[in-house]
Amino acid sequence: MTMNVSKVWVDSDYVHILTDGGQELRERIADYPRLRQASAEALQDYETDRYGISWRTLNEDLCFECFVPVA
């Protein structure tokens, strides 16, 4: 599944995405040990592609699908 994501941002507690359909989804940074232990600067050093978000320096990837709640 590929999601159309128009915006990605990271704050001190969450990784957020905004879909083209206007849905805002988020994942808790605390749920990912590498992200939880990273500096604020390292959290902002990410890249995106059509499948997800990568923090190369942290060796962490999140696919956009993981932001969708399981029903």
Protein backbone atom coordinates (compact mmCIF):
# COMPACT_ATOMS: atom_id res chain seq x y z
CA MET A 1 0.00 0.00 0.00
CA THR A 2 1.30 3.42 -0.94
CA MET A 3 -0.03 6.52 0.82
CA ASN A 4 0.08 9.98 -0.68
CA VAL A 5 1.71 12.08 2.02
CA SER A 6 1.97 15.82 1.53
CA LYS A 7 3.84 16.77 4.71
CA VAL A 8 6.09 15.18 7.33
CA TRP A 9 7.26 16.83 10.55
CA VAL A 10 8.82 15.79 13.83
CA ASP A 11 8.41 17.39 17.24
CA SER A 12 9.70 16.31 20.64
CA ASP A 13 7.03 13.62 21.11
CA TYR A 14 5.73 12.53 17.70
CA VAL A 15 6.47 11.94 14.06
CA HIS A 16 3.56 13.43 12.12
CA ILE A 17 2.33 12.94 8.58
CA LEU A 18 -0.38 14.73 6.64
CA THR A 19 -2.00 12.79 3.81
CA ASP A 20 -3.18 14.37 0.59
CA GLY A 21 -6.70 13.68 1.84
CA GLY A 22 -6.13 15.93 4.86
CA GLN A 23 -5.76 13.18 7.46
CA GLU A 24 -3.12 13.88 10.11
CA LEU A 25 -1.54 10.76 11.61
CA ARG A 26 1.26 10.36 14.13
CA GLU A 27 3.56 7.84 15.78
CA ARG A 28 5.02 8.25 19.26
CA ILE A 29 8.79 8.71 19.26
CA ALA A 30 8.90 6.90 22.63
CA ASP A 31 7.80 3.69 20.89
CA TYR A 32 11.02 3.54 18.84
CA PRO A 33 14.23 3.12 20.91
CA ARG A 34 16.55 4.67 18.31
CA LEU A 35 14.32 7.70 17.92
CA ARG A 36 13.73 7.98 21.66
CA GLN A 37 17.47 8.16 22.33
CA ALA A 38 18.23 10.58 19.48
CA SER A 39 18.99 14.25 19.86
CA ALA A 40 16.53 16.85 18.62
CA GLU A 41 18.94 17.64 15.81
CA ALA A 42 19.20 13.99 14.74
CA LEU A 43 15.40 13.65 14.70
CA GLN A 44 15.21 16.47 12.15
CA ASP A 45 17.73 14.74 9.85
CA TYR A 46 15.31 12.53 7.93
CA GLU A 47 14.49 11.77 4.31
CA THR A 48 11.18 10.71 2.82
CA ASP A 49 10.14 8.75 -0.21
CA ARG A 50 6.78 7.45 -1.36
CA TYR A 51 6.88 4.60 1.18
CA GLY A 52 8.08 6.23 4.38
CA ILE A 53 10.65 8.11 6.41
CA SER A 54 14.34 7.25 6.91
CA TRP A 55 16.83 8.48 9.48
CA ARG A 56 20.06 7.21 7.94
CA THR A 57 22.27 8.38 10.82
CA LEU A 58 19.99 6.59 13.31
CA ASN A 59 19.47 3.48 11.17
CA GLU A 60 15.69 3.80 11.58
CA ASP A 61 12.89 3.65 9.03
CA LEU A 62 9.13 4.09 9.43
CA CYS A 63 6.78 3.15 6.64
CA PHE A 64 3.74 5.35 6.18
CA GLU A 65 1.50 2.29 6.64
CA CYS A 66 2.52 2.03 10.31
CA PHE A 67 0.78 5.38 10.95
CA VAL A 68 -2.64 3.92 10.08
CA PRO A 69 -4.47 2.54 13.13
CA VAL A 70 -5.39 -1.14 12.96
CA ALA A 71 -9.13 -1.63 13.20
